[in-house]
Amino acid sequence: MRNKVLNIWPEIKWIENEELRERVLDCWVYAIENSKLQIDDLTKIPFSLLLKDCNISFMNHKRTAVQLSVDIAKRMKENFGDEIKINMDILIAGAILIDVGKLVEYDMVDGKLTTSNAGKILRHPFSGVAIADRFGIPPEVQHIIAYHSKEGDLAQRSVEAIIVHHADFVSFEPFKA
């Protein structure tokens, strides 16, 4: 399963810290193995149930959000130099894990993607933090997971969380019609 996850998530290899990289991989393996979804479903299912007739896959959206996060962070570091501190491993790990909880939030009924019973009462930022904590993911990464969505609008986001939040919404908002 680890190799299958790395095949759909090559960005995991961008995490330089080996221990963090392995823990992020562990989170995705666990989530997939404990989901009603199969790993191949992630490249086919729409990235959101909130969008009608969404043709963008879960993995396409997820990988785009990670790539945008890295691009934004690199540009900020180039332009602002020592005036801004961005931990790239924390940023990448957080961006990769923000929607790991959706594997708990989603269900597949008669071949149709739907919200699970757990997903109806506990949104993916919370289940994502629970999965991350299970594998010893640092609090700085859990912060990104917890606050990437609307749940974080009243919180003080870290620089990494701000970047990931905006990258996630930049790759979501244009599809809301």
Protein backbone atom coordinates (compact mmCIF):
# COMPACT_ATOMS: atom_id res chain seq x y z
CA MET A 1 0.00 0.00 0.00
CA ARG A 2 2.88 2.39 0.76
CA ASN A 3 4.09 2.28 -2.85
CA LYS A 4 0.55 2.85 -4.12
CA VAL A 5 0.21 5.91 -1.92
CA LEU A 6 3.56 7.25 -3.15
CA ASN A 7 2.38 6.71 -6.73
CA ILE A 8 -0.63 8.99 -6.24
CA TRP A 9 1.23 11.32 -3.85
CA PRO A 10 4.73 11.93 -5.32
CA GLU A 11 4.81 15.23 -3.40
CA ILE A 12 5.37 13.24 -0.18
CA LYS A 13 8.96 12.82 -1.38
CA TRP A 14 9.36 16.62 -1.25
CA ILE A 15 9.43 16.42 2.56
CA GLU A 16 13.12 16.43 3.42
CA ASN A 17 12.81 15.22 7.01
CA GLU A 18 12.69 11.44 6.69
CA GLU A 19 10.77 10.87 9.92
CA LEU A 20 8.09 13.41 9.00
CA ARG A 21 7.89 12.03 5.45
CA GLU A 22 7.30 8.51 6.79
CA ARG A 23 4.67 9.71 9.28
CA VAL A 24 2.78 11.58 6.54
CA LEU A 25 2.86 8.42 4.44
CA ASP A 26 1.64 6.39 7.45
CA CYS A 27 -1.35 8.75 7.82
CA TRP A 28 -2.43 8.23 4.21
CA VAL A 29 -1.94 4.46 4.35
CA TYR A 30 -4.01 4.29 7.54
CA ALA A 31 -6.75 6.55 6.15
CA ILE A 32 -7.07 4.53 2.95
CA GLU A 33 -7.01 1.19 4.75
CA ASN A 34 -9.77 2.40 7.10
CA SER A 35 -11.91 4.07 4.46
CA LYS A 36 -14.84 2.81 2.44
CA LEU A 37 -12.92 4.18 -0.55
CA GLN A 38 -10.24 2.34 -2.47
CA ILE A 39 -6.99 4.05 -3.40
CA ASP A 40 -8.01 4.11 -7.09
CA ASP A 41 -11.21 5.96 -6.14
CA LEU A 42 -9.14 9.00 -5.14
CA THR A 43 -8.14 9.64 -8.74
CA LYS A 44 -11.76 9.38 -9.90
CA ILE A 45 -14.05 10.87 -7.26
CA PRO A 46 -14.83 14.60 -7.33
CA PHE A 47 -12.76 16.62 -4.89
CA SER A 48 -15.83 18.04 -3.18
CA LEU A 49 -19.40 17.03 -2.55
CA LEU A 50 -20.25 20.73 -2.32
CA LEU A 51 -19.83 21.21 -6.06
CA LYS A 52 -22.48 20.03 -8.49
CA ASP A 53 -21.13 18.12 -11.51
CA CYS A 54 -17.52 18.49 -10.38
CA ASN A 55 -15.12 16.93 -12.91
CA ILE A 56 -11.93 17.69 -10.97
CA SER A 57 -10.74 14.62 -9.10
CA PHE A 58 -9.84 14.51 -5.43
CA MET A 59 -6.17 13.88 -6.21
CA ASN A 60 -6.01 16.54 -8.93
CA HIS A 61 -7.29 19.14 -6.48
CA LYS A 62 -5.13 17.90 -3.61
CA ARG A 63 -1.91 17.82 -5.61
CA THR A 64 -2.68 21.26 -7.08
CA ALA A 65 -3.16 22.71 -3.59
CA VAL A 66 0.19 21.26 -2.46
CA GLN A 67 1.98 22.51 -5.57
CA LEU A 68 0.45 25.99 -5.22
CA SER A 69 1.43 26.09 -1.54
CA VAL A 70 5.04 25.34 -2.41
CA ASP A 71 5.05 27.86 -5.27
CA ILE A 72 3.61 30.61 -3.04
CA ALA A 73 6.08 29.86 -0.24
CA LYS A 74 9.06 29.89 -2.59
CA ARG A 75 7.99 33.21 -4.12
CA MET A 76 7.48 34.73 -0.67
CA LYS A 77 10.93 33.55 0.46
CA GLU A 78 12.51 34.93 -2.74
CA ASN A 79 10.83 38.31 -2.38
CA PHE A 80 10.87 38.77 1.40
CA GLY A 81 14.15 37.04 2.27
CA ASP A 82 14.94 36.87 5.96
CA GLU A 83 11.85 38.91 6.82
CA ILE A 84 9.70 35.78 6.58
CA LYS A 85 10.28 32.35 8.05
CA ILE A 86 8.55 29.44 6.31
CA ASN A 87 9.25 25.85 7.29
CA MET A 88 8.86 24.05 3.97
CA ASP A 89 8.59 20.56 5.49
CA ILE A 90 5.80 21.71 7.82
CA LEU A 91 4.06 23.48 4.93
CA ILE A 92 4.30 20.49 2.56
CA ALA A 93 3.26 17.95 5.21
CA GLY A 94 0.31 20.12 6.19
CA ALA A 95 -0.77 20.68 2.60
CA ILE A 96 -0.63 16.95 1.90
CA LEU A 97 -2.62 16.10 5.04
CA ILE A 98 -5.35 18.77 5.07
CA ASP A 99 -7.91 16.46 3.49
CA VAL A 100 -6.77 13.08 4.86
CA GLY A 101 -9.87 13.21 7.09
CA LYS A 102 -12.11 13.24 4.03
CA LEU A 103 -11.48 9.51 3.79
CA VAL A 104 -13.48 9.25 7.03
CA GLU A 105 -15.96 11.92 5.92
CA TYR A 106 -16.75 10.17 2.64
CA ASP A 107 -18.66 6.97 2.01
CA MET A 108 -19.39 5.00 -1.14
CA VAL A 109 -22.97 3.72 -1.41
CA ASP A 110 -24.01 1.81 -4.52
CA GLY A 111 -21.04 3.24 -6.38
CA LYS A 112 -21.97 6.81 -5.47
CA LEU A 113 -19.88 9.13 -3.31
CA THR A 114 -21.74 10.43 -0.27
CA THR A 115 -21.11 11.73 3.23
CA SER A 116 -20.57 9.07 5.87
CA ASN A 117 -22.40 9.07 9.19
CA ALA A 118 -19.17 10.21 10.86
CA GLY A 119 -18.76 12.93 8.22
CA LYS A 120 -22.22 14.29 8.96
CA ILE A 121 -21.26 15.12 12.54
CA LEU A 122 -17.47 15.62 12.33
CA ARG A 123 -15.86 17.47 9.43
CA HIS A 124 -12.54 16.41 7.93
CA PRO A 125 -10.32 19.00 9.68
CA PHE A 126 -11.14 17.28 12.98
CA SER A 127 -10.84 13.69 11.79
CA GLY A 128 -7.67 14.71 9.93
CA VAL A 129 -6.09 16.02 13.13
CA ALA A 130 -7.07 12.78 14.90
CA ILE A 131 -5.35 10.71 12.21
CA ALA A 132 -2.28 12.96 12.26
CA ASP A 133 -2.03 12.80 16.05
CA ARG A 134 -2.24 9.00 15.94
CA PHE A 135 1.02 8.99 13.97
CA GLY A 136 2.88 11.64 15.94
CA ILE A 137 2.59 14.40 13.37
CA PRO A 138 3.95 17.63 14.92
CA PRO A 139 1.47 20.18 16.31
CA GLU A 140 2.58 22.72 13.68
CA VAL A 141 1.30 20.39 10.95
CA GLN A 142 -1.85 19.54 12.90
CA HIS A 143 -2.47 23.30 13.14
CA ILE A 144 -2.52 23.51 9.32
CA ILE A 145 -4.95 20.58 9.08
CA ALA A 146 -7.24 22.02 11.77
CA TYR A 147 -7.33 25.56 10.41
CA HIS A 148 -7.14 25.09 6.63
CA SER A 149 -10.90 25.32 6.17
CA LYS A 150 -13.63 27.62 7.45
CA GLU A 151 -13.07 26.25 10.96
CA GLY A 152 -9.90 28.32 11.06
CA ASP A 153 -11.41 31.64 10.07
CA LEU A 154 -11.54 32.86 13.67
CA ALA A 155 -8.13 31.44 14.60
CA GLN A 156 -4.64 32.90 14.36
CA ARG A 157 -3.10 30.90 11.50
CA SER A 158 0.64 30.33 11.20
CA VAL A 159 2.36 31.57 8.03
CA GLU A 160 2.35 28.01 6.68
CA ALA A 161 -1.36 27.62 7.48
CA ILE A 162 -2.19 30.92 5.76
CA ILE A 163 -0.40 29.80 2.61
CA VAL A 164 -2.04 26.35 2.56
CA HIS A 165 -5.48 27.81 3.32
CA HIS A 166 -5.27 30.19 0.37
CA ALA A 167 -3.78 27.59 -2.00
CA ASP A 168 -6.60 25.21 -1.09
CA PHE A 169 -9.29 27.82 -1.72
CA VAL A 170 -7.67 29.11 -4.92
CA SER A 171 -8.05 25.59 -6.27
CA PHE A 172 -11.65 25.33 -4.98
CA GLU A 173 -13.43 28.68 -5.35
CA PRO A 174 -13.24 28.94 -9.18
CA PHE A 175 -15.33 25.78 -9.44
CA LYS A 176 -18.18 27.11 -7.29
CA ALA A 177 -20.78 28.23 -9.75
